Amino acid sequence: SVPPLRSSPPFLPSVPPSPVRPSVPSPPFLLRSAVRPPVTTRPAYPPHTLCQFTMAWRSHGDSNKSLVANLRANGLIRTEPVRTAMERVDRKHYVGSSSGSRRDAYMDTPLPIGFNVTISAPHMHAMCLELMELKEGQRVLDVGSGSGYLVACIAILVGSQGMAYGIEHVKELVEQSITNVQEDNPELKNWQILGGDGRFGLKKHAPYDAIHVGAAAEKIPEELLKQLSIGGRLVIPVGPQGGSQDLLLITRDKENDFSQKVVTGVRYVPLTDLKKQV
C-alpha cells in the first residue's frame, strides 16, 4: 500500500487571505495504514462558492480575452503558458448551448452543464493549471473531465509531444465534451476523453506527470497516487460533501514517498459513482 503523506506548508495564491481559522484534522486517507498527517495552522481562503463574491466580480469579462486578462491582473494566472492556453480555449464552447449559459460564459463563476455537473469557475481552472506546472511532452490525466475545457488547456500546455487524457463517467458528457474540444480547437490532436470511473484513474496510460481531479473526494483515491510518476503532482479537492474541503497539492517525491500542501479552502461537487451522480 502507499505510505502516509507528509504535510508541507500551504501554497499561498496571490489572493488576499481571510483571517486565520482554527486548523482541523485533515480527512482520513484511503490507505490501509491510514495515519492522519500533521495538522498545520494556515491562512483560510474563501470556499469555492464564496469565491464568486470575492474574486468573481473582479475577474469576469465580456469576452474570453478580457476574462483571461482579468484573471492575470488579479494574480490567478501567473505564467505566460497558462495565459496563452486559457486564451486559446474559449469558454463559450464548454458551457452548454442555452442562451443563459452562453451569456454567462465569461463570468468567473461555476456554471451547470447538466447531470448535476458544473464547469468550474475560471479562477479555479487557472489555479489548478498553475499548480500542475505542466511542461511540453508530459502525460496528464483530468479526472471528471466534464465539459472538456481543462483537457483542451492541458493539451495546449503539454504540446504535440505530450498527451492529455480525460475520464468522465457520464456518457452524454463524454460525447459532448469531445464535440466541444473539436469545435473550439480542431487542430489539437494530442488529447483523448474516455468513459469510466475516474476514482480508479486510467491505468492503461499511466504513469502521469500530473493528475487533476475536478470533484471532491472524501478520501484520497489510492489508485491515483499509484498512477503518478516520480515527481508527479496530484491536484485534488478533499472533504465531505457540503462540509469543509481543502484543495491539496500532492507530490510523489520518490517511489514510496509522497508529500502534500494545503492550497486553499474550496467547495466542490462530490466525486462519486454514476448512480449517485445522476
C-alpha atoms as a PDB file:
ATOM      1  CA  SER A   1       0.000   0.000   0.000  1.00  0.00           C
ATOM      2  CA  VAL A   2       1.019   3.614  -0.468  1.00  0.00           C
ATOM      3  CA  PRO A   3       2.654   5.137   2.626  1.00  0.00           C
ATOM      4  CA  PRO A   4       1.122   8.054   4.552  1.00  0.00           C
ATOM      5  CA  LEU A   5       1.671  11.524   3.181  1.00  0.00           C
ATOM      6  CA  ARG A   6       3.918  14.174   4.665  1.00  0.00           C
ATOM      7  CA  SER A   7       2.383  17.583   5.195  1.00  0.00           C
ATOM      8  CA  SER A   8       4.116  20.743   3.992  1.00  0.00           C
ATOM      9  CA  PRO A   9       3.286  24.425   4.431  1.00  0.00           C
ATOM     10  CA  PRO A  10       0.375  25.626   2.307  1.00  0.00           C
ATOM     11  CA  PHE A  11       0.694  27.122  -1.139  1.00  0.00           C
ATOM     12  CA  LEU A  12      -0.256  30.765  -0.944  1.00  0.00           C
ATOM     13  CA  PRO A  13      -2.026  32.075  -4.067  1.00  0.00           C
ATOM     14  CA  SER A  14      -1.993  35.756  -4.936  1.00  0.00           C
ATOM     15  CA  VAL A  15      -5.377  36.382  -3.333  1.00  0.00           C
ATOM     16  CA  PRO A  16      -5.899  38.411  -0.166  1.00  0.00           C
ATOM     17  CA  PRO A  17      -6.306  35.869   2.646  1.00  0.00           C
ATOM     18  CA  SER A  18      -9.175  35.784   5.084  1.00  0.00           C
ATOM     19  CA  PRO A  19      -8.437  35.750   8.819  1.00  0.00           C
ATOM     20  CA  VAL A  20      -6.792  32.582  10.102  1.00  0.00           C
ATOM     21  CA  ARG A  21      -9.300  29.931  11.165  1.00  0.00           C
ATOM     22  CA  PRO A  22      -8.539  27.159  13.652  1.00  0.00           C
ATOM     23  CA  SER A  23      -6.975  24.194  11.890  1.00  0.00           C
ATOM     24  CA  VAL A  24      -8.874  20.927  11.917  1.00  0.00           C
ATOM     25  CA  PRO A  25      -7.776  17.354  11.320  1.00  0.00           C
ATOM     26  CA  SER A  26      -7.467  16.531   7.618  1.00  0.00           C
ATOM     27  CA  PRO A  27      -9.881  13.928   6.245  1.00  0.00           C
ATOM     28  CA  PRO A  28      -8.581  10.365   6.652  1.00  0.00           C
ATOM     29  CA  PHE A  29      -6.837   8.923   3.611  1.00  0.00           C
ATOM     30  CA  LEU A  30      -7.858   5.819   1.733  1.00  0.00           C
ATOM     31  CA  LEU A  31      -4.871   3.790   2.890  1.00  0.00           C
ATOM     32  CA  ARG A  32      -4.754   0.571   4.894  1.00  0.00           C
ATOM     33  CA  SER A  33      -2.077   2.113   7.064  1.00  0.00           C
ATOM     34  CA  ALA A  34      -4.009   5.365   7.243  1.00  0.00           C
ATOM     35  CA  VAL A  35      -2.445   7.928   9.557  1.00  0.00           C
ATOM     36  CA  ARG A  36      -3.669  11.473   9.720  1.00  0.00           C
ATOM     37  CA  PRO A  37      -0.917  13.845   8.610  1.00  0.00           C
ATOM     38  CA  PRO A  38       0.304  16.617  10.918  1.00  0.00           C
ATOM     39  CA  VAL A  39      -2.177  19.445  11.219  1.00  0.00           C
ATOM     40  CA  THR A  40      -0.870  22.855  10.218  1.00  0.00           C
ATOM     41  CA  THR A  41      -2.199  26.291  11.050  1.00  0.00           C
ATOM     42  CA  ARG A  42      -2.735  28.109   7.771  1.00  0.00           C
ATOM     43  CA  PRO A  43      -4.491  31.102   6.243  1.00  0.00           C
ATOM     44  CA  ALA A  44      -8.081  30.330   5.336  1.00  0.00           C
ATOM     45  CA  TYR A  45      -9.266  31.259   1.861  1.00  0.00           C
ATOM     46  CA  PRO A  46     -12.866  31.594   0.725  1.00  0.00           C
ATOM     47  CA  PRO A  47     -14.636  28.335  -0.200  1.00  0.00           C
ATOM     48  CA  HIS A  48     -15.233  27.766  -3.898  1.00  0.00           C
ATOM     49  CA  THR A  49     -18.796  29.087  -3.772  1.00  0.00           C
ATOM     50  CA  LEU A  50     -17.799  32.170  -1.776  1.00  0.00           C
ATOM     51  CA  CYS A  51     -15.070  32.970  -4.295  1.00  0.00           C
ATOM     52  CA  GLN A  52     -17.890  34.092  -6.571  1.00  0.00           C
ATOM     53  CA  PHE A  53     -18.390  37.067  -4.270  1.00  0.00           C
ATOM     54  CA  THR A  54     -14.738  37.856  -3.512  1.00  0.00           C
ATOM     55  CA  MET A  55     -12.911  37.343  -6.819  1.00  0.00           C
ATOM     56  CA  ALA A  56     -15.592  36.875  -9.458  1.00  0.00           C
ATOM     57  CA  TRP A  57     -16.672  40.492  -9.522  1.00  0.00           C
ATOM     58  CA  ARG A  58     -13.087  41.450 -10.350  1.00  0.00           C
ATOM     59  CA  SER A  59     -12.208  38.672 -12.798  1.00  0.00           C
ATOM     60  CA  HIS A  60     -15.216  38.305 -15.084  1.00  0.00           C
ATOM     61  CA  GLY A  61     -15.043  39.687 -18.611  1.00  0.00           C
ATOM     62  CA  ASP A  62     -17.197  40.362 -21.643  1.00  0.00           C
ATOM     63  CA  SER A  63     -15.023  38.144 -23.868  1.00  0.00           C
ATOM     64  CA  ASN A  64     -12.661  35.248 -23.343  1.00  0.00           C
ATOM     65  CA  LYS A  65      -9.653  37.537 -23.792  1.00  0.00           C
ATOM     66  CA  SER A  66     -10.869  40.039 -21.206  1.00  0.00           C
ATOM     67  CA  LEU A  67     -11.713  37.239 -18.755  1.00  0.00           C
ATOM     68  CA  VAL A  68      -8.174  35.882 -19.039  1.00  0.00           C
ATOM     69  CA  ALA A  69      -6.706  39.383 -18.747  1.00  0.00           C
ATOM     70  CA  ASN A  70      -8.618  39.975 -15.524  1.00  0.00           C
ATOM     71  CA  LEU A  71      -7.523  36.613 -14.098  1.00  0.00           C
ATOM     72  CA  ARG A  72      -3.950  37.606 -14.907  1.00  0.00           C
ATOM     73  CA  ALA A  73      -4.345  41.065 -13.372  1.00  0.00           C
ATOM     74  CA  ASN A  74      -5.762  39.536 -10.173  1.00  0.00           C
ATOM     75  CA  GLY A  75      -2.882  37.086  -9.768  1.00  0.00           C
ATOM     76  CA  LEU A  76      -4.789  33.886 -10.545  1.00  0.00           C
ATOM     77  CA  ILE A  77      -2.868  33.375 -13.789  1.00  0.00           C
ATOM     78  CA  ARG A  78       0.828  33.741 -13.009  1.00  0.00           C
ATOM     79  CA  THR A  79       2.669  32.320 -16.011  1.00  0.00           C
ATOM     80  CA  GLU A  80       2.649  33.030 -19.727  1.00  0.00           C
ATOM     81  CA  PRO A  81       1.957  29.412 -20.845  1.00  0.00           C
ATOM     82  CA  VAL A  82      -1.223  29.254 -18.734  1.00  0.00           C
ATOM     83  CA  ARG A  83      -2.354  32.630 -20.042  1.00  0.00           C
ATOM     84  CA  THR A  84      -1.796  31.507 -23.633  1.00  0.00           C
ATOM     85  CA  ALA A  85      -3.641  28.208 -23.099  1.00  0.00           C
ATOM     86  CA  MET A  86      -6.669  29.846 -21.489  1.00  0.00           C
ATOM     87  CA  GLU A  87      -6.812  32.449 -24.251  1.00  0.00           C
ATOM     88  CA  ARG A  88      -6.843  29.700 -26.889  1.00  0.00           C
ATOM     89  CA  VAL A  89      -9.628  27.733 -25.145  1.00  0.00           C
ATOM     90  CA  ASP A  90     -12.793  29.825 -25.445  1.00  0.00           C
ATOM     91  CA  ARG A  91     -15.071  29.065 -22.512  1.00  0.00           C
ATOM     92  CA  LYS A  92     -18.232  29.758 -24.516  1.00  0.00           C
ATOM     93  CA  HIS A  93     -17.768  26.386 -26.271  1.00  0.00           C
ATOM     94  CA  TYR A  94     -17.871  24.481 -22.961  1.00  0.00           C
ATOM     95  CA  VAL A  95     -20.806  25.939 -21.019  1.00  0.00           C
ATOM     96  CA  GLY A  96     -23.741  24.422 -22.893  1.00  0.00           C
ATOM     97  CA  SER A  97     -25.952  25.759 -25.635  1.00  0.00           C
ATOM     98  CA  SER A  98     -28.612  27.608 -23.627  1.00  0.00           C
ATOM     99  CA  SER A  99     -28.759  31.368 -24.094  1.00  0.00           C
ATOM    100  CA  GLY A 100     -28.214  31.894 -20.366  1.00  0.00           C
ATOM    101  CA  SER A 101     -25.091  29.764 -20.292  1.00  0.00           C
ATOM    102  CA  ARG A 102     -23.601  31.457 -23.344  1.00  0.00           C
ATOM    103  CA  ARG A 103     -24.411  34.876 -21.880  1.00  0.00           C
ATOM    104  CA  ASP A 104     -22.600  33.988 -18.636  1.00  0.00           C
ATOM    105  CA  ALA A 105     -19.683  32.165 -20.297  1.00  0.00           C
ATOM    106  CA  TYR A 106     -17.174  34.849 -19.315  1.00  0.00           C
ATOM    107  CA  MET A 107     -18.341  35.282 -15.739  1.00  0.00           C
ATOM    108  CA  ASP A 108     -15.883  33.993 -13.158  1.00  0.00           C
ATOM    109  CA  THR A 109     -18.345  31.542 -11.664  1.00  0.00           C
ATOM    110  CA  PRO A 110     -19.210  27.834 -11.962  1.00  0.00           C
ATOM    111  CA  LEU A 111     -21.976  27.009 -14.429  1.00  0.00           C
ATOM    112  CA  PRO A 112     -24.177  23.898 -14.677  1.00  0.00           C
ATOM    113  CA  ILE A 113     -23.625  21.681 -17.733  1.00  0.00           C
ATOM    114  CA  GLY A 114     -26.212  19.003 -16.905  1.00  0.00           C
ATOM    115  CA  PHE A 115     -26.299  15.716 -14.961  1.00  0.00           C
ATOM    116  CA  ASN A 116     -25.563  17.525 -11.657  1.00  0.00           C
ATOM    117  CA  VAL A 117     -22.197  18.588 -13.040  1.00  0.00           C
ATOM    118  CA  THR A 118     -20.707  22.066 -13.311  1.00  0.00           C
ATOM    119  CA  ILE A 119     -17.854  23.601 -15.238  1.00  0.00           C
ATOM    120  CA  SER A 120     -15.615  25.099 -12.573  1.00  0.00           C
ATOM    121  CA  ALA A 121     -15.125  28.829 -12.202  1.00  0.00           C
ATOM    122  CA  PRO A 122     -12.266  30.182 -14.350  1.00  0.00           C
ATOM    123  CA  HIS A 123     -10.263  31.204 -11.290  1.00  0.00           C
ATOM    124  CA  MET A 124     -10.202  27.567 -10.146  1.00  0.00           C
ATOM    125  CA  HIS A 125      -9.136  26.352 -13.589  1.00  0.00           C
ATOM    126  CA  ALA A 126      -6.355  28.942 -13.604  1.00  0.00           C
ATOM    127  CA  MET A 127      -5.185  27.993 -10.114  1.00  0.00           C
ATOM    128  CA  CYS A 128      -5.147  24.261 -10.870  1.00  0.00           C
ATOM    129  CA  LEU A 129      -3.282  24.704 -14.153  1.00  0.00           C
ATOM    130  CA  GLU A 130      -0.641  26.762 -12.355  1.00  0.00           C
ATOM    131  CA  LEU A 131      -0.328  24.178  -9.573  1.00  0.00           C
ATOM    132  CA  MET A 132       0.345  21.334 -12.025  1.00  0.00           C
ATOM    133  CA  GLU A 133       3.350  23.221 -13.508  1.00  0.00           C
ATOM    134  CA  LEU A 134       2.933  21.451 -16.846  1.00  0.00           C
ATOM    135  CA  LYS A 135       5.738  21.143 -19.392  1.00  0.00           C
ATOM    136  CA  GLU A 136       5.901  20.084 -23.008  1.00  0.00           C
ATOM    137  CA  GLY A 137       5.988  16.358 -23.583  1.00  0.00           C
ATOM    138  CA  GLN A 138       4.182  15.404 -20.363  1.00  0.00           C
ATOM    139  CA  ARG A 139       1.292  12.964 -19.935  1.00  0.00           C
ATOM    140  CA  VAL A 140      -1.611  14.306 -17.854  1.00  0.00           C
ATOM    141  CA  LEU A 141      -4.960  12.946 -16.632  1.00  0.00           C
ATOM    142  CA  ASP A 142      -8.083  15.013 -15.869  1.00  0.00           C
ATOM    143  CA  VAL A 143     -10.497  13.064 -13.639  1.00  0.00           C
ATOM    144  CA  GLY A 144     -14.134  14.086 -14.033  1.00  0.00           C
ATOM    145  CA  SER A 145     -13.343  15.943 -17.238  1.00  0.00           C
ATOM    146  CA  GLY A 146     -16.943  17.168 -17.658  1.00  0.00           C
ATOM    147  CA  SER A 147     -17.086  19.767 -20.433  1.00  0.00           C
ATOM    148  CA  GLY A 148     -13.580  19.010 -21.723  1.00  0.00           C
ATOM    149  CA  TYR A 149     -12.357  22.556 -21.021  1.00  0.00           C
ATOM    150  CA  LEU A 150      -9.372  21.595 -18.907  1.00  0.00           C
ATOM    151  CA  VAL A 151      -8.401  18.746 -21.242  1.00  0.00           C
ATOM    152  CA  ALA A 152      -8.073  21.295 -24.052  1.00  0.00           C
ATOM    153  CA  CYS A 153      -5.976  23.639 -21.882  1.00  0.00           C
ATOM    154  CA  ILE A 154      -3.731  20.763 -20.816  1.00  0.00           C
ATOM    155  CA  ALA A 155      -3.277  19.574 -24.423  1.00  0.00           C
ATOM    156  CA  ILE A 156      -2.006  23.041 -25.374  1.00  0.00           C
ATOM    157  CA  LEU A 157       0.336  23.221 -22.372  1.00  0.00           C
ATOM    158  CA  VAL A 158       1.982  19.814 -22.964  1.00  0.00           C
ATOM    159  CA  GLY A 159       2.392  20.379 -26.696  1.00  0.00           C
ATOM    160  CA  SER A 160       2.287  17.964 -29.597  1.00  0.00           C
ATOM    161  CA  GLN A 161       4.760  15.593 -27.922  1.00  0.00           C
ATOM    162  CA  GLY A 162       2.622  15.360 -24.790  1.00  0.00           C
ATOM    163  CA  MET A 163      -0.816  13.848 -24.186  1.00  0.00           C
ATOM    164  CA  ALA A 164      -3.915  14.986 -22.290  1.00  0.00           C
ATOM    165  CA  TYR A 165      -6.410  12.368 -21.140  1.00  0.00           C
ATOM    166  CA  GLY A 166      -9.844  12.987 -19.682  1.00  0.00           C
ATOM    167  CA  ILE A 167     -12.031  10.420 -17.936  1.00  0.00           C
ATOM    168  CA  GLU A 168     -15.740  11.025 -17.327  1.00  0.00           C
ATOM    169  CA  HIS A 169     -18.424   8.561 -16.217  1.00  0.00           C
ATOM    170  CA  VAL A 170     -21.446  10.328 -17.738  1.00  0.00           C
ATOM    171  CA  LYS A 171     -21.696   9.022 -21.310  1.00  0.00           C
ATOM    172  CA  GLU A 172     -23.520  12.079 -22.615  1.00  0.00           C
ATOM    173  CA  LEU A 173     -20.836  14.381 -21.227  1.00  0.00           C
ATOM    174  CA  VAL A 174     -18.082  12.285 -22.820  1.00  0.00           C
ATOM    175  CA  GLU A 175     -19.758  12.732 -26.211  1.00  0.00           C
ATOM    176  CA  GLN A 176     -20.488  16.430 -25.689  1.00  0.00           C
ATOM    177  CA  SER A 177     -17.002  17.219 -24.404  1.00  0.00           C
ATOM    178  CA  ILE A 178     -15.388  15.609 -27.452  1.00  0.00           C
ATOM    179  CA  THR A 179     -17.581  17.808 -29.655  1.00  0.00           C
ATOM    180  CA  ASN A 180     -16.683  20.879 -27.560  1.00  0.00           C
ATOM    181  CA  VAL A 181     -12.932  20.427 -27.988  1.00  0.00           C
ATOM    182  CA  GLN A 182     -13.194  19.593 -31.688  1.00  0.00           C
ATOM    183  CA  GLU A 183     -15.292  22.684 -32.414  1.00  0.00           C
ATOM    184  CA  ASP A 184     -13.114  25.011 -30.327  1.00  0.00           C
ATOM    185  CA  ASN A 185      -9.646  23.752 -31.279  1.00  0.00           C
ATOM    186  CA  PRO A 186      -9.913  21.395 -34.273  1.00  0.00           C
ATOM    187  CA  GLU A 187      -6.145  21.478 -34.784  1.00  0.00           C
ATOM    188  CA  LEU A 188      -5.480  19.817 -31.407  1.00  0.00           C
ATOM    189  CA  LYS A 189      -4.693  16.100 -31.781  1.00  0.00           C
ATOM    190  CA  ASN A 190      -2.894  15.221 -28.540  1.00  0.00           C
ATOM    191  CA  TRP A 191      -5.927  14.523 -26.358  1.00  0.00           C
ATOM    192  CA  GLN A 192      -8.465  11.820 -25.643  1.00  0.00           C
ATOM    193  CA  ILE A 193     -11.598  11.742 -23.476  1.00  0.00           C
ATOM    194  CA  LEU A 194     -12.800   8.321 -22.325  1.00  0.00           C
ATOM    195  CA  GLY A 195     -15.731   6.970 -20.351  1.00  0.00           C
ATOM    196  CA  GLY A 196     -15.058   5.407 -16.967  1.00  0.00           C
ATOM    197  CA  ASP A 197     -14.919   5.812 -13.199  1.00  0.00           C
ATOM    198  CA  GLY A 198     -12.174   8.337 -12.606  1.00  0.00           C
ATOM    199  CA  ARG A 199     -11.778   7.340  -8.963  1.00  0.00           C
ATOM    200  CA  PHE A 200      -9.690   4.457 -10.289  1.00  0.00           C
ATOM    201  CA  GLY A 201      -7.709   6.613 -12.676  1.00  0.00           C
ATOM    202  CA  LEU A 202      -6.809   5.415 -16.158  1.00  0.00           C
ATOM    203  CA  LYS A 203      -4.246   2.713 -15.563  1.00  0.00           C
ATOM    204  CA  LYS A 204      -3.533   1.745 -19.166  1.00  0.00           C
ATOM    205  CA  HIS A 205      -1.957   5.140 -19.898  1.00  0.00           C
ATOM    206  CA  ALA A 206      -0.195   5.609 -16.533  1.00  0.00           C
ATOM    207  CA  PRO A 207       2.087   6.891 -15.147  1.00  0.00           C
ATOM    208  CA  TYR A 208       1.097  10.556 -15.316  1.00  0.00           C
ATOM    209  CA  ASP A 209       3.205  13.635 -14.724  1.00  0.00           C
ATOM    210  CA  ALA A 210       0.124  15.318 -13.306  1.00  0.00           C
ATOM    211  CA  ILE A 211      -3.434  14.361 -12.354  1.00  0.00           C
ATOM    212  CA  HIS A 212      -6.218  16.863 -11.805  1.00  0.00           C
ATOM    213  CA  VAL A 213      -9.475  15.919 -10.087  1.00  0.00           C
ATOM    214  CA  GLY A 214     -12.487  18.147 -10.688  1.00  0.00           C
ATOM    215  CA  ALA A 215     -14.696  16.919  -7.820  1.00  0.00           C
ATOM    216  CA  ALA A 216     -14.186  16.488  -4.075  1.00  0.00           C
ATOM    217  CA  ALA A 217     -13.147  13.081  -2.765  1.00  0.00           C
ATOM    218  CA  GLU A 218     -13.926  12.224   0.844  1.00  0.00           C
ATOM    219  CA  LYS A 219     -10.674  10.253   0.875  1.00  0.00           C
ATOM    220  CA  ILE A 220      -7.721  10.428  -1.486  1.00  0.00           C
ATOM    221  CA  PRO A 221      -8.102   7.603  -4.031  1.00  0.00           C
ATOM    222  CA  GLU A 222      -5.084   5.333  -3.621  1.00  0.00           C
ATOM    223  CA  GLU A 223      -5.170   4.371  -7.305  1.00  0.00           C
ATOM    224  CA  LEU A 224      -4.488   7.964  -8.307  1.00  0.00           C
ATOM    225  CA  LEU A 225      -1.415   8.092  -6.091  1.00  0.00           C
ATOM    226  CA  LYS A 226      -0.126   4.881  -7.643  1.00  0.00           C
ATOM    227  CA  GLN A 227      -0.545   6.279 -11.151  1.00  0.00           C
ATOM    228  CA  LEU A 228       1.665   9.329 -10.544  1.00  0.00           C
ATOM    229  CA  SER A 229       5.176   9.289 -11.979  1.00  0.00           C
ATOM    230  CA  ILE A 230       8.102  10.185  -9.710  1.00  0.00           C
ATOM    231  CA  GLY A 231       7.888  13.948  -9.313  1.00  0.00           C
ATOM    232  CA  GLY A 232       4.264  13.849 -10.485  1.00  0.00           C
ATOM    233  CA  ARG A 233       1.628  16.154  -8.989  1.00  0.00           C
ATOM    234  CA  LEU A 234      -1.936  15.386  -7.945  1.00  0.00           C
ATOM    235  CA  VAL A 235      -4.277  18.382  -7.565  1.00  0.00           C
ATOM    236  CA  ILE A 236      -7.424  17.255  -5.761  1.00  0.00           C
ATOM    237  CA  PRO A 237     -10.145  18.734  -3.524  1.00  0.00           C
ATOM    238  CA  VAL A 238     -10.687  16.585  -0.426  1.00  0.00           C
ATOM    239  CA  GLY A 239     -13.500  16.708   2.116  1.00  0.00           C
ATOM    240  CA  PRO A 240     -17.135  15.748   2.719  1.00  0.00           C
ATOM    241  CA  GLN A 241     -20.000  16.942   0.547  1.00  0.00           C
ATOM    242  CA  GLY A 242     -21.287  20.241   1.890  1.00  0.00           C
ATOM    243  CA  GLY A 243     -18.564  20.316   4.550  1.00  0.00           C
ATOM    244  CA  SER A 244     -15.057  21.675   4.947  1.00  0.00           C
ATOM    245  CA  GLN A 245     -12.962  20.845   1.887  1.00  0.00           C
ATOM    246  CA  ASP A 246      -9.361  21.641   1.010  1.00  0.00           C
ATOM    247  CA  LEU A 247      -7.632  21.782  -2.340  1.00  0.00           C
ATOM    248  CA  LEU A 248      -4.498  19.660  -1.929  1.00  0.00           C
ATOM    249  CA  LEU A 249      -1.305  19.505  -3.960  1.00  0.00           C
ATOM    250  CA  ILE A 250       0.273  16.070  -3.532  1.00  0.00           C
ATOM    251  CA  THR A 251       3.709  15.307  -4.974  1.00  0.00           C
ATOM    252  CA  ARG A 252       5.277  11.889  -5.451  1.00  0.00           C
ATOM    253  CA  ASP A 253       8.796  12.722  -4.298  1.00  0.00           C
ATOM    254  CA  LYS A 254      10.129   9.162  -4.518  1.00  0.00           C
ATOM    255  CA  GLU A 255       8.709   5.721  -5.285  1.00  0.00           C
ATOM    256  CA  ASN A 256       7.260   5.369  -1.784  1.00  0.00           C
ATOM    257  CA  ASP A 257       7.424   8.968  -0.600  1.00  0.00           C
ATOM    258  CA  PHE A 258       4.551  11.455  -1.009  1.00  0.00           C
ATOM    259  CA  SER A 259       4.166  14.982   0.372  1.00  0.00           C
ATOM    260  CA  GLN A 260       1.185  17.297   0.446  1.00  0.00           C
ATOM    261  CA  LYS A 261       0.427  21.000   0.648  1.00  0.00           C
ATOM    262  CA  VAL A 262      -2.885  22.597   1.525  1.00  0.00           C
ATOM    263  CA  VAL A 263      -3.644  25.194  -1.157  1.00  0.00           C
ATOM    264  CA  THR A 264      -6.939  26.754  -0.119  1.00  0.00           C
ATOM    265  CA  GLY A 265     -10.411  26.037   1.182  1.00  0.00           C
ATOM    266  CA  VAL A 266     -12.868  25.068  -1.563  1.00  0.00           C
ATOM    267  CA  ARG A 267     -16.339  23.671  -2.108  1.00  0.00           C
ATOM    268  CA  TYR A 268     -16.787  21.228  -4.989  1.00  0.00           C
ATOM    269  CA  VAL A 269     -19.442  18.764  -6.074  1.00  0.00           C
ATOM    270  CA  PRO A 270     -18.647  15.238  -4.768  1.00  0.00           C
ATOM    271  CA  LEU A 271     -16.503  12.673  -6.572  1.00  0.00           C
ATOM    272  CA  THR A 272     -18.925   9.767  -6.621  1.00  0.00           C
ATOM    273  CA  ASP A 273     -20.273   6.871  -8.693  1.00  0.00           C
ATOM    274  CA  LEU A 274     -22.598   7.320 -11.658  1.00  0.00           C
ATOM    275  CA  LYS A 275     -25.773   6.203  -9.844  1.00  0.00           C
ATOM    276  CA  LYS A 276     -25.324   8.801  -7.124  1.00  0.00           C
ATOM    277  CA  GLN A 277     -24.280  11.422  -9.676  1.00  0.00           C
ATOM    278  CA  VAL A 278     -27.410  11.342 -11.809  1.00  0.00           C
END
